[in-house]
Amino acid sequence: RAWSQQIGSQMASVSFISFFPYIRAEKPTI
């Protein structure tokens, strides 16, 4: 979660990216 937010902020060149408090996370795969 934290790293996803950081990536989004870097892509958009902002210090904070606003999103709704629900996240869809897929099961990790090899």
Full PDB file with SEQRES, HELIX, SHEET, SSBOND, CRYST1, ORIGX, SCALE, CONECT and MASTER records, all heavy atoms in Angstrom:
SEQRES   1 A   30  ARG ALA TRP SER GLN GLN ILE GLY SER GLN MET ALA SER          
SEQRES   2 A   30  VAL SER PHE ILE SER PHE PHE PRO TYR ILE ARG ALA GLU          
SEQRES   3 A   30  LYS PRO THR ILE                                              
HELIX    1 AA1 ALA A    2  ALA A   12  1                                  11    
CRYST1    1.000    1.000    1.000  90.00  90.00  90.00 P 1           1          
ORIGX1      1.000000  0.000000  0.000000        0.00000                         
ORIGX2      0.000000  1.000000  0.000000        0.00000                         
ORIGX3      0.000000  0.000000  1.000000        0.00000                         
SCALE1      1.000000  0.000000  0.000000        0.00000                         
SCALE2      0.000000  1.000000  0.000000        0.00000                         
SCALE3      0.000000  0.000000  1.000000        0.00000                         
ATOM      1  N   ARG A   1       0.824  -1.211   0.000  1.00  0.00           N  
ATOM      2  CA  ARG A   1       0.000   0.000   0.000  1.00  0.00           C  
ATOM      3  C   ARG A   1       0.858   1.261   0.000  1.00  0.00           C  
ATOM      4  O   ARG A   1       0.651   2.156  -0.826  1.00  0.00           O  
ATOM      5  CB  ARG A   1      -0.927   0.003   1.215  1.00  0.00           C  
ATOM      6  CG  ARG A   1      -1.714   1.297   1.336  1.00  0.00           C  
ATOM      7  CD  ARG A   1      -2.796   1.237   2.374  1.00  0.00           C  
ATOM      8  NE  ARG A   1      -3.426   2.542   2.528  1.00  0.00           N  
ATOM      9  CZ  ARG A   1      -4.684   2.730   2.899  1.00  0.00           C  
ATOM     10  NH1 ARG A   1      -5.451   1.689   3.121  1.00  0.00           N  
ATOM     11  NH2 ARG A   1      -5.184   3.941   3.032  1.00  0.00           N  
ATOM     12  N   ALA A   2       1.803   1.349   0.908  1.00  0.00           N  
ATOM     13  CA  ALA A   2       2.620   2.569   1.015  1.00  0.00           C  
ATOM     14  C   ALA A   2       3.439   2.798  -0.249  1.00  0.00           C  
ATOM     15  O   ALA A   2       3.539   3.926  -0.745  1.00  0.00           O  
ATOM     16  CB  ALA A   2       3.539   2.467   2.234  1.00  0.00           C  
ATOM     17  N   TRP A   3       4.018   1.734  -0.784  1.00  0.00           N  
ATOM     18  CA  TRP A   3       4.854   1.877  -1.970  1.00  0.00           C  
ATOM     19  C   TRP A   3       4.005   2.203  -3.193  1.00  0.00           C  
ATOM     20  O   TRP A   3       4.422   2.977  -4.068  1.00  0.00           O  
ATOM     21  CB  TRP A   3       5.669   0.618  -2.189  1.00  0.00           C  
ATOM     22  CG  TRP A   3       6.683   0.700  -3.285  1.00  0.00           C  
ATOM     23  CD1 TRP A   3       6.927  -0.245  -4.231  1.00  0.00           C  
ATOM     24  CD2 TRP A   3       7.621   1.758  -3.541  1.00  0.00           C  
ATOM     25  NE1 TRP A   3       7.947   0.153  -5.071  1.00  0.00           N  
ATOM     26  CE2 TRP A   3       8.386   1.381  -4.672  1.00  0.00           C  
ATOM     27  CE3 TRP A   3       7.876   2.988  -2.935  1.00  0.00           C  
ATOM     28  CZ2 TRP A   3       9.384   2.197  -5.208  1.00  0.00           C  
ATOM     29  CZ3 TRP A   3       8.874   3.802  -3.465  1.00  0.00           C  
ATOM     30  CH2 TRP A   3       9.623   3.405  -4.582  1.00  0.00           C  
ATOM     31  N   SER A   4       2.782   1.659  -3.272  1.00  0.00           N  
ATOM     32  CA  SER A   4       1.869   1.991  -4.370  1.00  0.00           C  
ATOM     33  C   SER A   4       1.540   3.470  -4.363  1.00  0.00           C  
ATOM     34  O   SER A   4       1.539   4.129  -5.421  1.00  0.00           O  
ATOM     35  CB  SER A   4       0.581   1.174  -4.259  1.00  0.00           C  
ATOM     36  OG  SER A   4       0.819  -0.211  -4.416  1.00  0.00           O  
ATOM     37  N   GLN A   5       1.261   4.014  -3.185  1.00  0.00           N  
ATOM     38  CA  GLN A   5       0.977   5.449  -3.072  1.00  0.00           C  
ATOM     39  C   GLN A   5       2.178   6.274  -3.511  1.00  0.00           C  
ATOM     40  O   GLN A   5       2.027   7.287  -4.199  1.00  0.00           O  
ATOM     41  CB  GLN A   5       0.602   5.800  -1.628  1.00  0.00           C  
ATOM     42  CG  GLN A   5      -0.713   5.204  -1.163  1.00  0.00           C  
ATOM     43  CD  GLN A   5      -0.966   5.499   0.296  1.00  0.00           C  
ATOM     44  OE1 GLN A   5      -0.992   4.607   1.137  1.00  0.00           O  
ATOM     45  NE2 GLN A   5      -1.148   6.762   0.625  1.00  0.00           N  
ATOM     46  N   GLN A   6       3.365   5.855  -3.100  1.00  0.00           N  
ATOM     47  CA  GLN A   6       4.573   6.586  -3.460  1.00  0.00           C  
ATOM     48  C   GLN A   6       4.796   6.568  -4.966  1.00  0.00           C  
ATOM     49  O   GLN A   6       5.168   7.581  -5.568  1.00  0.00           O  
ATOM     50  CB  GLN A   6       5.773   5.975  -2.738  1.00  0.00           C  
ATOM     51  CG  GLN A   6       7.097   6.670  -2.998  1.00  0.00           C  
ATOM     52  CD  GLN A   6       7.104   8.107  -2.501  1.00  0.00           C  
ATOM     53  OE1 GLN A   6       6.393   8.452  -1.563  1.00  0.00           O  
ATOM     54  NE2 GLN A   6       7.902   8.949  -3.136  1.00  0.00           N  
ATOM     55  N   ILE A   7       4.546   5.426  -5.584  1.00  0.00           N  
ATOM     56  CA  ILE A   7       4.694   5.315  -7.040  1.00  0.00           C  
ATOM     57  C   ILE A   7       3.718   6.245  -7.744  1.00  0.00           C  
ATOM     58  O   ILE A   7       4.078   6.969  -8.683  1.00  0.00           O  
ATOM     59  CB  ILE A   7       4.479   3.856  -7.498  1.00  0.00           C  
ATOM     60  CG1 ILE A   7       5.645   2.985  -7.039  1.00  0.00           C  
ATOM     61  CG2 ILE A   7       4.323   3.785  -9.013  1.00  0.00           C  
ATOM     62  CD1 ILE A   7       5.435   1.504  -7.301  1.00  0.00           C  
ATOM     63  N   GLY A   8       2.450   6.236  -7.304  1.00  0.00           N  
ATOM     64  CA  GLY A   8       1.457   7.118  -7.908  1.00  0.00           C  
ATOM     65  C   GLY A   8       1.840   8.580  -7.772  1.00  0.00           C  
ATOM     66  O   GLY A   8       1.693   9.362  -8.725  1.00  0.00           O  
ATOM     67  N   SER A   9       2.353   8.950  -6.608  1.00  0.00           N  
ATOM     68  CA  SER A   9       2.778  10.340  -6.392  1.00  0.00           C  
ATOM     69  C   SER A   9       3.928  10.713  -7.313  1.00  0.00           C  
ATOM     70  O   SER A   9       3.972  11.821  -7.862  1.00  0.00           O  
ATOM     71  CB  SER A   9       3.190  10.529  -4.929  1.00  0.00           C  
ATOM     72  OG  SER A   9       2.095  10.317  -4.058  1.00  0.00           O  
ATOM     73  N   GLN A  10       4.876   9.798  -7.500  1.00  0.00           N  
ATOM     74  CA  GLN A  10       6.005  10.064  -8.385  1.00  0.00           C  
ATOM     75  C   GLN A  10       5.558  10.193  -9.831  1.00  0.00           C  
ATOM     76  O   GLN A  10       6.034  11.064 -10.570  1.00  0.00           O  
ATOM     77  CB  GLN A  10       7.044   8.957  -8.249  1.00  0.00           C  
ATOM     78  CG  GLN A  10       7.768   8.937  -6.912  1.00  0.00           C  
ATOM     79  CD  GLN A  10       8.822   7.857  -6.841  1.00  0.00           C  
ATOM     80  OE1 GLN A  10       9.333   7.396  -7.854  1.00  0.00           O  
ATOM     81  NE2 GLN A  10       9.147   7.429  -5.630  1.00  0.00           N  
ATOM     82  N   MET A  11       4.644   9.339 -10.251  1.00  0.00           N  
ATOM     83  CA  MET A  11       4.176   9.397 -11.633  1.00  0.00           C  
ATOM     84  C   MET A  11       3.437  10.702 -11.919  1.00  0.00           C  
ATOM     85  O   MET A  11       3.556  11.261 -13.015  1.00  0.00           O  
ATOM     86  CB  MET A  11       3.257   8.209 -11.935  1.00  0.00           C  
ATOM     87  CG  MET A  11       3.945   6.857 -11.879  1.00  0.00           C  
ATOM     88  SD  MET A  11       2.846   5.475 -12.327  1.00  0.00           S  
ATOM     89  CE  MET A  11       2.738   5.717 -14.120  1.00  0.00           C  
ATOM     90  N   ALA A  12       2.688  11.162 -10.941  1.00  0.00           N  
ATOM     91  CA  ALA A  12       1.918  12.393 -11.119  1.00  0.00           C  
ATOM     92  C   ALA A  12       2.688  13.640 -10.694  1.00  0.00           C  
ATOM     93  O   ALA A  12       2.204  14.760 -10.862  1.00  0.00           O  
ATOM     94  CB  ALA A  12       0.620  12.306 -10.325  1.00  0.00           C  
ATOM     95  N   SER A  13       3.890  13.439 -10.130  1.00  0.00           N  
ATOM     96  CA  SER A  13       4.740  14.562  -9.665  1.00  0.00           C  
ATOM     97  C   SER A  13       4.040  15.401  -8.608  1.00  0.00           C  
ATOM     98  O   SER A  13       4.062  16.635  -8.635  1.00  0.00           O  
ATOM     99  CB  SER A  13       5.173  15.438 -10.838  1.00  0.00           C  
ATOM    100  OG  SER A  13       5.965  14.703 -11.740  1.00  0.00           O  
ATOM    101  N   VAL A  14       3.380  14.724  -7.665  1.00  0.00           N  
ATOM    102  CA  VAL A  14       2.739  15.411  -6.542  1.00  0.00           C  
ATOM    103  C   VAL A  14       3.227  14.768  -5.247  1.00  0.00           C  
ATOM    104  O   VAL A  14       3.748  13.650  -5.240  1.00  0.00           O  
ATOM    105  CB  VAL A  14       1.204  15.320  -6.631  1.00  0.00           C  
ATOM    106  CG1 VAL A  14       0.690  16.101  -7.828  1.00  0.00           C  
ATOM    107  CG2 VAL A  14       0.733  13.871  -6.697  1.00  0.00           C  
ATOM    108  N   SER A  15       3.042  15.485  -4.151  1.00  0.00           N  
ATOM    109  CA  SER A  15       3.469  14.960  -2.858  1.00  0.00           C  
ATOM    110  C   SER A  15       2.415  14.049  -2.246  1.00  0.00           C  
ATOM    111  O   SER A  15       2.711  13.230  -1.371  1.00  0.00           O  
ATOM    112  CB  SER A  15       3.767  16.113  -1.897  1.00  0.00           C  
ATOM    113  OG  SER A  15       2.624  16.950  -1.758  1.00  0.00           O  
ATOM    114  N   PHE A  16       1.180  14.175  -2.709  1.00  0.00           N  
ATOM    115  CA  PHE A  16       0.088  13.359  -2.162  1.00  0.00           C  
ATOM    116  C   PHE A  16      -0.899  13.060  -3.272  1.00  0.00           C  
ATOM    117  O   PHE A  16      -1.270  13.947  -4.047  1.00  0.00           O  
ATOM    118  CB  PHE A  16      -0.614  14.096  -1.019  1.00  0.00           C  
ATOM    119  CG  PHE A  16      -1.825  13.381  -0.487  1.00  0.00           C  
ATOM    120  CD1 PHE A  16      -1.690  12.296   0.357  1.00  0.00           C  
ATOM    121  CD2 PHE A  16      -3.096  13.800  -0.843  1.00  0.00           C  
ATOM    122  CE1 PHE A  16      -2.809  11.630   0.841  1.00  0.00           C  
ATOM    123  CE2 PHE A  16      -4.220  13.142  -0.364  1.00  0.00           C  
ATOM    124  CZ  PHE A  16      -4.074  12.059   0.482  1.00  0.00           C  
ATOM    125  N   ILE A  17      -1.309  11.821  -3.360  1.00  0.00           N  
ATOM    126  CA  ILE A  17      -2.305  11.427  -4.360  1.00  0.00           C  
ATOM    127  C   ILE A  17      -3.585  11.017  -3.646  1.00  0.00           C  
ATOM    128  O   ILE A  17      -3.556  10.223  -2.697  1.00  0.00           O  
ATOM    129  CB  ILE A  17      -1.746  10.296  -5.250  1.00  0.00           C  
ATOM    130  CG1 ILE A  17      -2.634  10.072  -6.457  1.00  0.00           C  
ATOM    131  CG2 ILE A  17      -1.567   8.997  -4.475  1.00  0.00           C  
ATOM    132  CD1 ILE A  17      -1.978   9.230  -7.550  1.00  0.00           C  
ATOM    133  N   SER A  18      -4.715  11.571  -4.063  1.00  0.00           N  
ATOM    134  CA  SER A  18      -5.983  11.349  -3.373  1.00  0.00           C  
ATOM    135  C   SER A  18      -6.728  10.165  -3.973  1.00  0.00           C  
ATOM    136  O   SER A  18      -6.956  10.101  -5.187  1.00  0.00           O  
ATOM    137  CB  SER A  18      -6.849  12.616  -3.482  1.00  0.00           C  
ATOM    138  OG  SER A  18      -8.087  12.426  -2.826  1.00  0.00           O  
ATOM    139  N   PHE A  19      -7.109   9.213  -3.107  1.00  0.00           N  
ATOM    140  CA  PHE A  19      -7.841   8.034  -3.574  1.00  0.00           C  
ATOM    141  C   PHE A  19      -8.852   7.603  -2.521  1.00  0.00           C  
ATOM    142  O   PHE A  19      -8.765   7.983  -1.351  1.00  0.00           O  
ATOM    143  CB  PHE A  19      -6.877   6.885  -3.892  1.00  0.00           C  
ATOM    144  CG  PHE A  19      -6.037   6.454  -2.715  1.00  0.00           C  
ATOM    145  CD1 PHE A  19      -6.472   5.454  -1.865  1.00  0.00           C  
ATOM    146  CD2 PHE A  19      -4.818   7.061  -2.457  1.00  0.00           C  
ATOM    147  CE1 PHE A  19      -5.710   5.055  -0.781  1.00  0.00           C  
ATOM    148  CE2 PHE A  19      -4.043   6.676  -1.375  1.00  0.00           C  
ATOM    149  CZ  PHE A  19      -4.489   5.674  -0.538  1.00  0.00           C  
ATOM    150  N   PHE A  20      -9.817   6.808  -2.947  1.00  0.00           N  
ATOM    151  CA  PHE A  20     -10.832   6.306  -2.034  1.00  0.00           C  
ATOM    152  C   PHE A  20     -10.234   5.223  -1.129  1.00  0.00           C  
ATOM    153  O   PHE A  20      -9.267   4.557  -1.516  1.00  0.00           O  
ATOM    154  CB  PHE A  20     -12.020   5.748  -2.815  1.00  0.00           C  
ATOM    155  CG  PHE A  20     -12.824   6.803  -3.520  1.00  0.00           C  
ATOM    156  CD1 PHE A  20     -12.638   7.050  -4.876  1.00  0.00           C  
ATOM    157  CD2 PHE A  20     -13.751   7.568  -2.819  1.00  0.00           C  
ATOM    158  CE1 PHE A  20     -13.369   8.028  -5.526  1.00  0.00           C  
ATOM    159  CE2 PHE A  20     -14.485   8.551  -3.458  1.00  0.00           C  
ATOM    160  CZ  PHE A  20     -14.295   8.790  -4.821  1.00  0.00           C  
ATOM    161  N   PRO A  21     -10.794   5.039   0.064  1.00  0.00           N  
ATOM    162  CA  PRO A  21     -10.181   4.137   1.051  1.00  0.00           C  
ATOM    163  C   PRO A  21     -10.436   2.654   0.803  1.00  0.00           C  
ATOM    164  O   PRO A  21     -10.442   1.860   1.731  1.00  0.00           O  
ATOM    165  CB  PRO A  21     -10.822   4.575   2.373  1.00  0.00           C  
ATOM    166  CG  PRO A  21     -12.159   5.085   1.984  1.00  0.00           C  
ATOM    167  CD  PRO A  21     -11.957   5.748   0.650  1.00  0.00           C  
ATOM    168  N   TYR A  22     -10.661   2.277  -0.426  1.00  0.00           N  
ATOM    169  CA  TYR A  22     -10.750   0.846  -0.733  1.00  0.00           C  
ATOM    170  C   TYR A  22      -9.785   0.544  -1.867  1.00  0.00           C  
ATOM    171  O   TYR A  22      -9.635   1.311  -2.808  1.00  0.00           O  
ATOM    172  CB  TYR A  22     -12.172   0.414  -1.082  1.00  0.00           C  
ATOM    173  CG  TYR A  22     -12.886   1.252  -2.119  1.00  0.00           C  
ATOM    174  CD1 TYR A  22     -12.721   1.004  -3.484  1.00  0.00           C  
ATOM    175  CD2 TYR A  22     -13.722   2.293  -1.734  1.00  0.00           C  
ATOM    176  CE1 TYR A  22     -13.377   1.763  -4.431  1.00  0.00           C  
ATOM    177  CE2 TYR A  22     -14.375   3.063  -2.669  1.00  0.00           C  
ATOM    178  CZ  TYR A  22     -14.207   2.800  -4.019  1.00  0.00           C  
ATOM    179  OH  TYR A  22     -14.847   3.566  -4.955  1.00  0.00           O  
ATOM    180  N   ILE A  23      -9.132  -0.579  -1.739  1.00  0.00           N  
ATOM    181  CA  ILE A  23      -8.089  -0.968  -2.676  1.00  0.00           C  
ATOM    182  C   ILE A  23      -8.341  -2.414  -3.104  1.00  0.00           C  
ATOM    183  O   ILE A  23      -8.695  -3.255  -2.275  1.00  0.00           O  
ATOM    184  CB  ILE A  23      -6.697  -0.869  -2.026  1.00  0.00           C  
ATOM    185  CG1 ILE A  23      -6.457   0.559  -1.523  1.00  0.00           C  
ATOM    186  CG2 ILE A  23      -5.602  -1.269  -3.000  1.00  0.00           C  
ATOM    187  CD1 ILE A  23      -5.248   0.677  -0.622  1.00  0.00           C  
ATOM    188  N   ARG A  24      -8.146  -2.668  -4.365  1.00  0.00           N  
ATOM    189  CA  ARG A  24      -8.277  -4.048  -4.846  1.00  0.00           C  
ATOM    190  C   ARG A  24      -6.881  -4.646  -4.976  1.00  0.00           C  
ATOM    191  O   ARG A  24      -6.047  -4.122  -5.713  1.00  0.00           O  
ATOM    192  CB  ARG A  24      -8.988  -4.090  -6.191  1.00  0.00           C  
ATOM    193  CG  ARG A  24      -9.349  -5.529  -6.615  1.00  0.00           C  
ATOM    194  CD  ARG A  24     -10.252  -5.545  -7.823  1.00  0.00           C  
ATOM    195  NE  ARG A  24      -9.520  -5.147  -9.027  1.00  0.00           N  
ATOM    196  CZ  ARG A  24     -10.031  -4.356  -9.969  1.00  0.00           C  
ATOM    197  NH1 ARG A  24     -11.228  -3.842  -9.817  1.00  0.00           N  
ATOM    198  NH2 ARG A  24      -9.320  -4.070 -11.045  1.00  0.00           N  
ATOM    199  N   ALA A  25      -6.654  -5.717  -4.258  1.00  0.00           N  
ATOM    200  CA  ALA A  25      -5.344  -6.369  -4.292  1.00  0.00           C  
ATOM    201  C   ALA A  25      -5.499  -7.783  -4.823  1.00  0.00           C  
ATOM    202  O   ALA A  25      -6.297  -8.571  -4.301  1.00  0.00           O  
ATOM    203  CB  ALA A  25      -4.729  -6.391  -2.900  1.00  0.00           C  
ATOM    204  N   GLU A  26      -4.748  -8.098  -5.871  1.00  0.00           N  
ATOM    205  CA  GLU A  26      -4.793  -9.427  -6.449  1.00  0.00           C  
ATOM    206  C   GLU A  26      -3.901 -10.381  -5.656  1.00  0.00           C  
ATOM    207  O   GLU A  26      -2.952  -9.954  -4.993  1.00  0.00           O  
ATOM    208  CB  GLU A  26      -4.328  -9.392  -7.909  1.00  0.00           C  
ATOM    209  CG  GLU A  26      -5.089  -8.411  -8.793  1.00  0.00           C  
ATOM    210  CD  GLU A  26      -6.539  -8.798  -8.987  1.00  0.00           C  
ATOM    211  OE1 GLU A  26      -6.866  -9.979  -8.762  1.00  0.00           O  
ATOM    212  OE2 GLU A  26      -7.352  -7.928  -9.343  1.00  0.00           O  
ATOM    213  N   LYS A  27      -4.209 -11.657  -5.716  1.00  0.00           N  
ATOM    214  CA  LYS A  27      -3.380 -12.663  -5.052  1.00  0.00           C  
ATOM    215  C   LYS A  27      -2.013 -12.689  -5.738  1.00  0.00           C  
ATOM    216  O   LYS A  27      -1.935 -12.738  -6.968  1.00  0.00           O  
ATOM    217  CB  LYS A  27      -4.045 -14.031  -5.135  1.00  0.00           C  
ATOM    218  CG  LYS A  27      -3.286 -15.127  -4.403  1.00  0.00           C  
ATOM    219  CD  LYS A  27      -4.021 -16.450  -4.499  1.00  0.00           C  
ATOM    220  CE  LYS A  27      -3.252 -17.560  -3.786  1.00  0.00           C  
ATOM    221  NZ  LYS A  27      -3.953 -18.864  -3.865  1.00  0.00           N  
ATOM    222  N   PRO A  28      -0.915 -12.646  -4.973  1.00  0.00           N  
ATOM    223  CA  PRO A  28       0.415 -12.663  -5.610  1.00  0.00           C  
ATOM    224  C   PRO A  28       0.631 -13.930  -6.418  1.00  0.00           C  
ATOM    225  O   PRO A  28       0.175 -15.017  -6.046  1.00  0.00           O  
ATOM    226  CB  PRO A  28       1.369 -12.581  -4.412  1.00  0.00           C  
ATOM    227  CG  PRO A  28       0.577 -13.028  -3.232  1.00  0.00           C  
ATOM    228  CD  PRO A  28      -0.832 -12.607  -3.506  1.00  0.00           C  
ATOM    229  N   THR A  29       1.324 -13.776  -7.530  1.00  0.00           N  
ATOM    230  CA  THR A  29       1.574 -14.909  -8.418  1.00  0.00           C  
ATOM    231  C   THR A  29       3.069 -15.031  -8.713  1.00  0.00           C  
ATOM    232  O   THR A  29       3.797 -14.044  -8.713  1.00  0.00           O  
ATOM    233  CB  THR A  29       0.817 -14.748  -9.749  1.00  0.00           C  
ATOM    234  OG1 THR A  29       1.221 -13.506 -10.374  1.00  0.00           O  
ATOM    235  CG2 THR A  29      -0.681 -14.728  -9.519  1.00  0.00           C  
ATOM    236  N   ILE A  30       3.482 -16.262  -8.971  1.00  0.00           N  
ATOM    237  CA  ILE A  30       4.856 -16.506  -9.384  1.00  0.00           C  
ATOM    238  C   ILE A  30       4.907 -16.440 -10.902  1.00  0.00           C  
ATOM    239  O   ILE A  30       4.150 -17.123 -11.585  1.00  0.00           O  
ATOM    240  CB  ILE A  30       5.344 -17.881  -8.902  1.00  0.00           C  
ATOM    241  CG1 ILE A  30       5.324 -17.939  -7.371  1.00  0.00           C  
ATOM    242  CG2 ILE A  30       6.743 -18.181  -9.418  1.00  0.00           C  
ATOM    243  CD1 ILE A  30       5.647 -19.302  -6.804  1.00  0.00           C  
TER     244      ILE A  30                                                      
MASTER        0    0    0    1    0    0    0    6  243    1    0    3          
END                                                                             
